[in-house]
Amino acid sequence: MLSITNLHLLLCSTLCYSENMKIYVGHSKELNFEEELYHPLRQSNLNSEHEIIFPHENNHKDAGFVTRDVIKNCDLMLAEVSFPATGLGIELGWADSFGRPIICIHRNRARLSGSLKIICNNFIVYTDKHDLIDKLTLTLNSYDRRKKI
């Protein structure tokens, strides 16, 4: 027979998938990523709910930051794909080969590479940074770590 505490732990392990995820955020250097991606995500509740890793933040510019290793050890990759970029494509390939779920986000009028559909089936189309945060929050709150997004 399950105690109340064990029942609570069982329910939480079944229902609370999105807590404290380690999320790597990839993007093109053509994107104004500081203003359009980093600041909005850092100022949102998502920042306190998850460990969000941005590759071009000052604390990641040292020699110990190896993107491939970071992606391998993350729970999820978030890719801003509004602009094509070779480096982002390499990162997406790593995430896919490591079996990491990928969420692709892009502006509503961006022209996307058809290859993205091979490695990702979760796309978020956004109009502005507020719309991005709202849609991303909904997606992450419904995320199940046991399934590929």
N, C-alpha and C. Protein backbone atom coordinates (compact mmCIF):
# COMPACT_ATOMS: atom_id res chain seq x y z
N MET A 1 0.84 -1.18 0.00
CA MET A 1 0.00 0.00 0.00
C MET A 1 0.89 1.25 0.00
N LEU A 2 0.53 2.25 -0.82
CA LEU A 2 1.30 3.48 -0.92
C LEU A 2 0.92 4.45 0.18
N SER A 3 1.96 5.05 0.78
CA SER A 3 1.69 6.12 1.75
C SER A 3 1.38 7.40 0.98
N ILE A 4 0.88 8.39 1.68
CA ILE A 4 0.59 9.69 1.04
C ILE A 4 1.86 10.27 0.45
N THR A 5 2.98 10.17 1.16
CA THR A 5 4.24 10.72 0.65
C THR A 5 4.68 9.99 -0.62
N ASN A 6 4.61 8.66 -0.60
CA ASN A 6 5.00 7.89 -1.80
C ASN A 6 4.06 8.16 -2.96
N LEU A 7 2.78 8.32 -2.68
CA LEU A 7 1.81 8.65 -3.73
C LEU A 7 2.14 10.00 -4.34
N HIS A 8 2.46 10.98 -3.48
CA HIS A 8 2.83 12.32 -3.96
C HIS A 8 4.07 12.23 -4.86
N LEU A 9 5.10 11.47 -4.42
CA LEU A 9 6.31 11.32 -5.23
C LEU A 9 6.03 10.65 -6.56
N LEU A 10 5.17 9.64 -6.54
CA LEU A 10 4.80 8.96 -7.77
C LEU A 10 4.08 9.90 -8.73
N LEU A 11 3.12 10.66 -8.21
CA LEU A 11 2.38 11.61 -9.05
C LEU A 11 3.31 12.69 -9.59
N CYS A 12 4.18 13.18 -8.73
CA CYS A 12 5.09 14.25 -9.17
C CYS A 12 6.04 13.74 -10.24
N SER A 13 6.56 12.52 -10.07
CA SER A 13 7.46 11.99 -11.10
C SER A 13 6.73 11.72 -12.40
N THR A 14 5.42 11.51 -12.33
CA THR A 14 4.62 11.25 -13.53
C THR A 14 4.18 12.54 -14.19
N LEU A 15 3.88 13.56 -13.40
CA LEU A 15 3.28 14.78 -13.94
C LEU A 15 4.24 15.95 -14.06
N CYS A 16 5.29 15.99 -13.29
CA CYS A 16 6.15 17.17 -13.21
C CYS A 16 7.39 17.01 -14.08
N TYR A 17 7.21 16.95 -15.37
CA TYR A 17 8.31 16.67 -16.28
C TYR A 17 9.18 17.88 -16.57
N SER A 18 8.59 19.06 -16.60
CA SER A 18 9.31 20.21 -17.13
C SER A 18 10.11 20.96 -16.07
N GLU A 19 10.13 20.50 -14.83
CA GLU A 19 10.84 21.23 -13.80
C GLU A 19 12.34 21.13 -13.99
N ASN A 20 13.00 22.24 -13.82
CA ASN A 20 14.45 22.31 -13.80
C ASN A 20 15.14 21.66 -14.98
N MET A 21 14.68 21.93 -16.16
CA MET A 21 15.36 21.40 -17.34
C MET A 21 16.58 22.23 -17.66
N LYS A 22 17.58 21.58 -18.22
CA LYS A 22 18.76 22.26 -18.73
C LYS A 22 18.52 22.45 -20.22
N ILE A 23 18.39 23.71 -20.64
CA ILE A 23 18.01 24.04 -22.01
C ILE A 23 19.14 24.82 -22.69
N TYR A 24 19.64 24.26 -23.78
CA TYR A 24 20.64 24.96 -24.59
C TYR A 24 19.92 25.72 -25.69
N VAL A 25 20.29 26.99 -25.89
CA VAL A 25 19.64 27.83 -26.89
C VAL A 25 20.63 28.12 -28.01
N GLY A 26 20.33 27.61 -29.21
CA GLY A 26 21.16 27.88 -30.38
C GLY A 26 20.49 28.89 -31.30
N HIS A 27 21.29 29.60 -32.07
CA HIS A 27 20.75 30.64 -32.96
C HIS A 27 21.82 31.09 -33.94
N SER A 28 21.39 31.80 -34.95
CA SER A 28 22.30 32.41 -35.92
C SER A 28 22.88 33.69 -35.32
N LYS A 29 24.09 34.02 -35.73
CA LYS A 29 24.68 35.29 -35.31
C LYS A 29 24.02 36.48 -36.01
N GLU A 30 23.26 36.21 -37.09
CA GLU A 30 22.54 37.29 -37.79
C GLU A 30 21.38 37.82 -36.97
N LEU A 31 20.85 37.01 -36.09
CA LEU A 31 19.76 37.43 -35.21
C LEU A 31 20.30 38.42 -34.18
N ASN A 32 19.54 39.43 -33.87
CA ASN A 32 19.89 40.33 -32.77
C ASN A 32 19.58 39.59 -31.47
N PHE A 33 20.38 38.57 -31.20
CA PHE A 33 20.05 37.61 -30.15
C PHE A 33 20.02 38.19 -28.75
N GLU A 34 20.84 39.18 -28.46
CA GLU A 34 20.82 39.78 -27.12
C GLU A 34 19.44 40.39 -26.82
N GLU A 35 18.94 41.20 -27.75
CA GLU A 35 17.67 41.89 -27.55
C GLU A 35 16.45 41.02 -27.81
N GLU A 36 16.52 40.16 -28.82
CA GLU A 36 15.34 39.41 -29.24
C GLU A 36 15.20 38.04 -28.59
N LEU A 37 16.28 37.55 -27.97
CA LEU A 37 16.23 36.20 -27.41
C LEU A 37 16.73 36.15 -25.97
N TYR A 38 17.96 36.59 -25.75
CA TYR A 38 18.56 36.47 -24.43
C TYR A 38 17.80 37.28 -23.38
N HIS A 39 17.62 38.57 -23.61
CA HIS A 39 16.94 39.41 -22.62
C HIS A 39 15.51 38.95 -22.33
N PRO A 40 14.69 38.70 -23.35
CA PRO A 40 13.32 38.24 -23.06
C PRO A 40 13.28 36.94 -22.25
N LEU A 41 14.13 35.98 -22.59
CA LEU A 41 14.13 34.72 -21.85
C LEU A 41 14.66 34.91 -20.43
N ARG A 42 15.71 35.70 -20.27
CA ARG A 42 16.26 35.95 -18.92
C ARG A 42 15.27 36.69 -18.03
N GLN A 43 14.44 37.56 -18.62
CA GLN A 43 13.49 38.35 -17.84
C GLN A 43 12.17 37.61 -17.61
N SER A 44 12.00 36.44 -18.19
CA SER A 44 10.76 35.69 -18.04
C SER A 44 10.85 34.72 -16.86
N ASN A 45 9.72 34.15 -16.49
CA ASN A 45 9.69 33.14 -15.43
C ASN A 45 10.45 31.88 -15.84
N LEU A 46 10.59 31.65 -17.13
CA LEU A 46 11.31 30.47 -17.60
C LEU A 46 12.74 30.45 -17.06
N ASN A 47 13.32 31.62 -16.87
CA ASN A 47 14.70 31.72 -16.39
C ASN A 47 14.86 31.16 -14.98
N SER A 48 13.84 31.33 -14.14
CA SER A 48 13.93 30.80 -12.78
C SER A 48 13.46 29.35 -12.71
N GLU A 49 12.73 28.91 -13.70
CA GLU A 49 12.21 27.54 -13.71
C GLU A 49 13.19 26.55 -14.35
N HIS A 50 14.09 27.03 -15.19
CA HIS A 50 15.00 26.16 -15.93
C HIS A 50 16.39 26.75 -15.95
N GLU A 51 17.37 25.90 -16.23
CA GLU A 51 18.72 26.38 -16.46
C GLU A 51 18.86 26.62 -17.95
N ILE A 52 18.90 27.89 -18.34
CA ILE A 52 18.96 28.27 -19.75
C ILE A 52 20.40 28.65 -20.09
N ILE A 53 20.93 28.00 -21.11
CA ILE A 53 22.33 28.21 -21.49
C ILE A 53 22.37 28.89 -22.85
N PHE A 54 22.94 30.11 -22.86
CA PHE A 54 23.11 30.87 -24.10
C PHE A 54 24.59 30.82 -24.49
N PRO A 55 24.91 30.45 -25.71
CA PRO A 55 26.31 30.27 -26.08
C PRO A 55 27.15 31.54 -26.11
N HIS A 56 26.52 32.70 -26.25
CA HIS A 56 27.30 33.93 -26.39
C HIS A 56 27.19 34.84 -25.18
N GLU A 57 26.81 34.30 -24.05
CA GLU A 57 26.85 35.09 -22.82
C GLU A 57 28.29 35.15 -22.33
N ASN A 58 28.61 36.20 -21.62
CA ASN A 58 29.99 36.42 -21.18
C ASN A 58 30.56 35.26 -20.36
N ASN A 59 29.74 34.63 -19.52
CA ASN A 59 30.26 33.56 -18.67
C ASN A 59 30.54 32.27 -19.43
N HIS A 60 30.21 32.21 -20.73
CA HIS A 60 30.47 31.01 -21.53
C HIS A 60 31.57 31.22 -22.56
N LYS A 61 32.27 32.33 -22.49
CA LYS A 61 33.28 32.62 -23.51
C LYS A 61 34.67 32.10 -23.12
N ASP A 62 34.76 31.37 -22.02
CA ASP A 62 36.07 30.85 -21.61
C ASP A 62 36.39 29.56 -22.35
N ALA A 63 37.59 29.07 -22.16
CA ALA A 63 38.05 27.88 -22.88
C ALA A 63 37.34 26.61 -22.42
N GLY A 64 36.68 26.62 -21.26
CA GLY A 64 36.03 25.42 -20.74
C GLY A 64 34.65 25.15 -21.32
N PHE A 65 34.13 26.07 -22.10
CA PHE A 65 32.79 25.91 -22.68
C PHE A 65 32.91 25.18 -24.01
N VAL A 66 32.48 23.93 -24.03
CA VAL A 66 32.52 23.12 -25.24
C VAL A 66 31.08 22.83 -25.63
N THR A 67 30.62 23.48 -26.69
CA THR A 67 29.21 23.42 -27.08
C THR A 67 28.71 21.99 -27.25
N ARG A 68 29.49 21.15 -27.87
CA ARG A 68 29.07 19.77 -28.10
C ARG A 68 28.79 19.06 -26.78
N ASP A 69 29.66 19.26 -25.78
CA ASP A 69 29.47 18.64 -24.47
C ASP A 69 28.25 19.21 -23.75
N VAL A 70 28.04 20.51 -23.89
CA VAL A 70 26.88 21.15 -23.26
C VAL A 70 25.59 20.57 -23.84
N ILE A 71 25.53 20.44 -25.16
CA ILE A 71 24.34 19.89 -25.82
C ILE A 71 24.13 18.44 -25.40
N LYS A 72 25.21 17.69 -25.31
CA LYS A 72 25.11 16.28 -24.91
C LYS A 72 24.52 16.14 -23.51
N ASN A 73 24.79 17.10 -22.64
CA ASN A 73 24.34 17.03 -21.25
C ASN A 73 23.09 17.84 -20.95
N CYS A 74 22.45 18.37 -21.97
CA CYS A 74 21.23 19.15 -21.73
C CYS A 74 20.00 18.25 -21.87
N ASP A 75 18.87 18.76 -21.41
CA ASP A 75 17.60 18.03 -21.52
C ASP A 75 16.88 18.36 -22.81
N LEU A 76 17.19 19.53 -23.39
CA LEU A 76 16.43 20.02 -24.53
C LEU A 76 17.26 21.06 -25.27
N MET A 77 17.11 21.11 -26.59
CA MET A 77 17.71 22.19 -27.36
C MET A 77 16.61 23.06 -27.93
N LEU A 78 16.73 24.35 -27.70
CA LEU A 78 15.84 25.35 -28.26
C LEU A 78 16.63 26.05 -29.36
N ALA A 79 16.11 26.02 -30.59
CA ALA A 79 16.84 26.58 -31.73
C ALA A 79 16.01 27.69 -32.38
N GLU A 80 16.58 28.90 -32.41
CA GLU A 80 15.95 30.01 -33.12
C GLU A 80 16.42 29.90 -34.56
N VAL A 81 15.51 29.55 -35.47
CA VAL A 81 15.87 29.19 -36.84
C VAL A 81 15.39 30.19 -37.90
N SER A 82 15.15 31.43 -37.49
CA SER A 82 14.68 32.44 -38.45
C SER A 82 15.71 32.74 -39.52
N PHE A 83 17.00 32.56 -39.21
CA PHE A 83 18.09 32.79 -40.15
C PHE A 83 18.89 31.51 -40.31
N PRO A 84 19.23 31.13 -41.54
CA PRO A 84 20.06 29.94 -41.72
C PRO A 84 21.47 30.19 -41.20
N ALA A 85 22.09 29.16 -40.63
CA ALA A 85 23.45 29.29 -40.11
C ALA A 85 24.10 27.92 -40.05
N THR A 86 25.30 27.82 -40.57
CA THR A 86 26.01 26.55 -40.59
C THR A 86 26.27 26.05 -39.17
N GLY A 87 26.73 26.93 -38.29
CA GLY A 87 27.02 26.53 -36.91
C GLY A 87 25.78 26.00 -36.20
N LEU A 88 24.66 26.66 -36.41
CA LEU A 88 23.41 26.19 -35.82
C LEU A 88 23.04 24.83 -36.38
N GLY A 89 23.27 24.62 -37.65
CA GLY A 89 22.99 23.31 -38.25
C GLY A 89 23.83 22.21 -37.62
N ILE A 90 25.08 22.52 -37.34
CA ILE A 90 25.97 21.55 -36.68
C ILE A 90 25.44 21.25 -35.28
N GLU A 91 25.07 22.28 -34.54
CA GLU A 91 24.52 22.09 -33.19
C GLU A 91 23.25 21.25 -33.23
N LEU A 92 22.38 21.51 -34.19
CA LEU A 92 21.15 20.73 -34.32
C LEU A 92 21.47 19.27 -34.64
N GLY A 93 22.47 19.05 -35.46
CA GLY A 93 22.90 17.68 -35.77
C GLY A 93 23.40 16.96 -34.53
N TRP A 94 24.18 17.67 -33.70
CA TRP A 94 24.65 17.07 -32.45
C TRP A 94 23.47 16.72 -31.55
N ALA A 95 22.55 17.68 -31.38
CA ALA A 95 21.39 17.43 -30.51
C ALA A 95 20.60 16.22 -31.00
N ASP A 96 20.40 16.13 -32.29
CA ASP A 96 19.66 15.00 -32.85
C ASP A 96 20.43 13.69 -32.64
N SER A 97 21.73 13.70 -32.86
CA SER A 97 22.52 12.47 -32.71
C SER A 97 22.60 12.02 -31.25
N PHE A 98 22.51 12.96 -30.31
CA PHE A 98 22.51 12.62 -28.89
C PHE A 98 21.11 12.27 -28.38
N GLY A 99 20.12 12.36 -29.26
CA GLY A 99 18.75 12.03 -28.86
C GLY A 99 18.09 13.12 -28.03
N ARG A 100 18.58 14.34 -28.14
CA ARG A 100 18.00 15.44 -27.37
C ARG A 100 16.79 16.00 -28.12
N PRO A 101 15.70 16.22 -27.41
CA PRO A 101 14.54 16.84 -28.06
C PRO A 101 14.91 18.25 -28.53
N ILE A 102 14.29 18.67 -29.62
CA ILE A 102 14.57 19.98 -30.21
C ILE A 102 13.25 20.72 -30.39
N ILE A 103 13.24 21.97 -29.98
CA ILE A 103 12.12 22.87 -30.29
C ILE A 103 12.70 23.96 -31.17
N CYS A 104 12.13 24.13 -32.36
CA CYS A 104 12.55 25.20 -33.26
C CYS A 104 11.58 26.37 -33.12
N ILE A 105 12.12 27.55 -32.94
CA ILE A 105 11.31 28.76 -32.87
C ILE A 105 11.72 29.66 -34.02
N HIS A 106 10.73 30.40 -34.55
CA HIS A 106 11.07 31.32 -35.64
C HIS A 106 10.01 32.39 -35.78
N ARG A 107 10.43 33.51 -36.36
CA ARG A 107 9.51 34.61 -36.64
C ARG A 107 8.45 34.16 -37.63
N ASN A 108 7.32 34.83 -37.59
CA ASN A 108 6.18 34.38 -38.39
C ASN A 108 6.41 34.45 -39.89
N ARG A 109 7.33 35.21 -40.39
CA ARG A 109 7.53 35.30 -41.84
C ARG A 109 8.87 34.74 -42.30
N ALA A 110 9.51 34.00 -41.44
CA ALA A 110 10.83 33.45 -41.79
C ALA A 110 10.68 32.30 -42.79
N ARG A 111 11.64 32.21 -43.70
CA ARG A 111 11.67 31.08 -44.65
C ARG A 111 12.61 30.03 -44.07
N LEU A 112 12.05 28.87 -43.78
CA LEU A 112 12.82 27.83 -43.11
C LEU A 112 13.36 26.80 -44.09
N SER A 113 14.43 26.19 -43.70
CA SER A 113 14.99 25.07 -44.46
C SER A 113 14.10 23.85 -44.27
N GLY A 114 13.82 23.16 -45.36
CA GLY A 114 13.02 21.95 -45.28
C GLY A 114 13.69 20.86 -44.46
N SER A 115 15.00 20.91 -44.32
CA SER A 115 15.74 19.90 -43.57
C SER A 115 15.38 19.91 -42.09
N LEU A 116 14.89 21.02 -41.59
CA LEU A 116 14.53 21.10 -40.17
C LEU A 116 13.46 20.08 -39.79
N LYS A 117 12.58 19.79 -40.74
CA LYS A 117 11.48 18.86 -40.45
C LYS A 117 11.98 17.43 -40.25
N ILE A 118 13.18 17.14 -40.67
CA ILE A 118 13.76 15.81 -40.50
C ILE A 118 14.13 15.58 -39.03
N ILE A 119 14.62 16.62 -38.36
CA ILE A 119 15.09 16.45 -36.99
C ILE A 119 14.17 17.05 -35.93
N CYS A 120 13.16 17.78 -36.35
CA CYS A 120 12.31 18.45 -35.38
C CYS A 120 10.85 18.38 -35.83
N ASN A 121 9.97 18.10 -34.89
CA ASN A 121 8.55 18.13 -35.20
C ASN A 121 7.78 19.11 -34.32
N ASN A 122 8.53 19.96 -33.61
CA ASN A 122 7.89 20.95 -32.76
C ASN A 122 8.41 22.34 -33.14
N PHE A 123 7.55 23.10 -33.82
CA PHE A 123 7.91 24.44 -34.27
C PHE A 123 7.00 25.46 -33.59
N ILE A 124 7.59 26.52 -33.11
CA ILE A 124 6.83 27.62 -32.52
C ILE A 124 7.04 28.84 -33.41
N VAL A 125 5.95 29.35 -33.94
CA VAL A 125 5.98 30.56 -34.76
C VAL A 125 5.57 31.71 -33.85
N TYR A 126 6.37 32.77 -33.84
CA TYR A 126 6.06 33.90 -32.95
C TYR A 126 6.10 35.23 -33.72
N THR A 127 5.37 36.21 -33.18
CA THR A 127 5.31 37.53 -33.80
C THR A 127 6.21 38.55 -33.10
N ASP A 128 6.39 38.43 -31.80
CA ASP A 128 7.25 39.32 -31.03
C ASP A 128 7.73 38.58 -29.79
N LYS A 129 8.56 39.23 -29.00
CA LYS A 129 9.16 38.54 -27.86
C LYS A 129 8.13 38.12 -26.81
N HIS A 130 7.05 38.87 -26.67
CA HIS A 130 6.00 38.49 -25.71
C HIS A 130 5.27 37.24 -26.18
N ASP A 131 4.98 37.19 -27.46
CA ASP A 131 4.33 36.02 -28.06
C ASP A 131 5.25 34.80 -27.93
N LEU A 132 6.54 34.99 -28.14
CA LEU A 132 7.51 33.90 -28.00
C LEU A 132 7.48 33.34 -26.59
N ILE A 133 7.57 34.20 -25.59
CA ILE A 133 7.60 33.74 -24.19
C ILE A 133 6.31 33.01 -23.84
N ASP A 134 5.16 33.55 -24.25
CA ASP A 134 3.88 32.91 -23.96
C ASP A 134 3.80 31.51 -24.57
N LYS A 135 4.15 31.38 -25.84
CA LYS A 135 4.06 30.09 -26.53
C LYS A 135 5.10 29.10 -26.02
N LEU A 136 6.28 29.58 -25.74
CA LEU A 136 7.33 28.71 -25.23
C LEU A 136 6.98 28.20 -23.82
N THR A 137 6.41 29.06 -23.01
CA THR A 137 5.98 28.66 -21.67
C THR A 137 4.94 27.55 -21.75
N LEU A 138 3.96 27.71 -22.62
CA LEU A 138 2.93 26.67 -22.78
C LEU A 138 3.56 25.35 -23.24
N THR A 139 4.47 25.43 -24.19
CA THR A 139 5.11 24.23 -24.72
C THR A 139 5.94 23.53 -23.64
N LEU A 140 6.74 24.29 -22.91
CA LEU A 140 7.58 23.68 -21.88
C LEU A 140 6.76 23.13 -20.72
N ASN A 141 5.66 23.79 -20.39
CA ASN A 141 4.81 23.29 -19.30
C ASN A 141 4.15 21.97 -19.66
N SER A 142 3.99 21.69 -20.92
CA SER A 142 3.36 20.43 -21.33
C SER A 142 4.39 19.40 -21.78
N TYR A 143 5.65 19.71 -21.64
CA TYR A 143 6.73 18.85 -22.10
C TYR A 143 6.86 17.60 -21.24
N ASP A 144 7.00 16.47 -21.86
CA ASP A 144 7.20 15.19 -21.20
C ASP A 144 8.61 14.72 -21.55
N ARG A 145 9.51 14.69 -20.58
CA ARG A 145 10.90 14.32 -20.82
C ARG A 145 11.07 12.93 -21.39
N ARG A 146 10.10 12.07 -21.18
CA ARG A 146 10.23 10.69 -21.63
C ARG A 146 9.94 10.55 -23.12
N LYS A 147 9.39 11.56 -23.74
CA LYS A 147 9.04 11.48 -25.17
C LYS A 147 9.82 12.54 -25.93
N LYS A 148 10.09 12.26 -27.19
CA LYS A 148 10.72 13.27 -28.04
C LYS A 148 9.67 14.27 -28.44
N ILE A 149 10.00 15.53 -28.34
CA ILE A 149 9.04 16.59 -28.68
C ILE A 149 8.76 16.58 -30.16
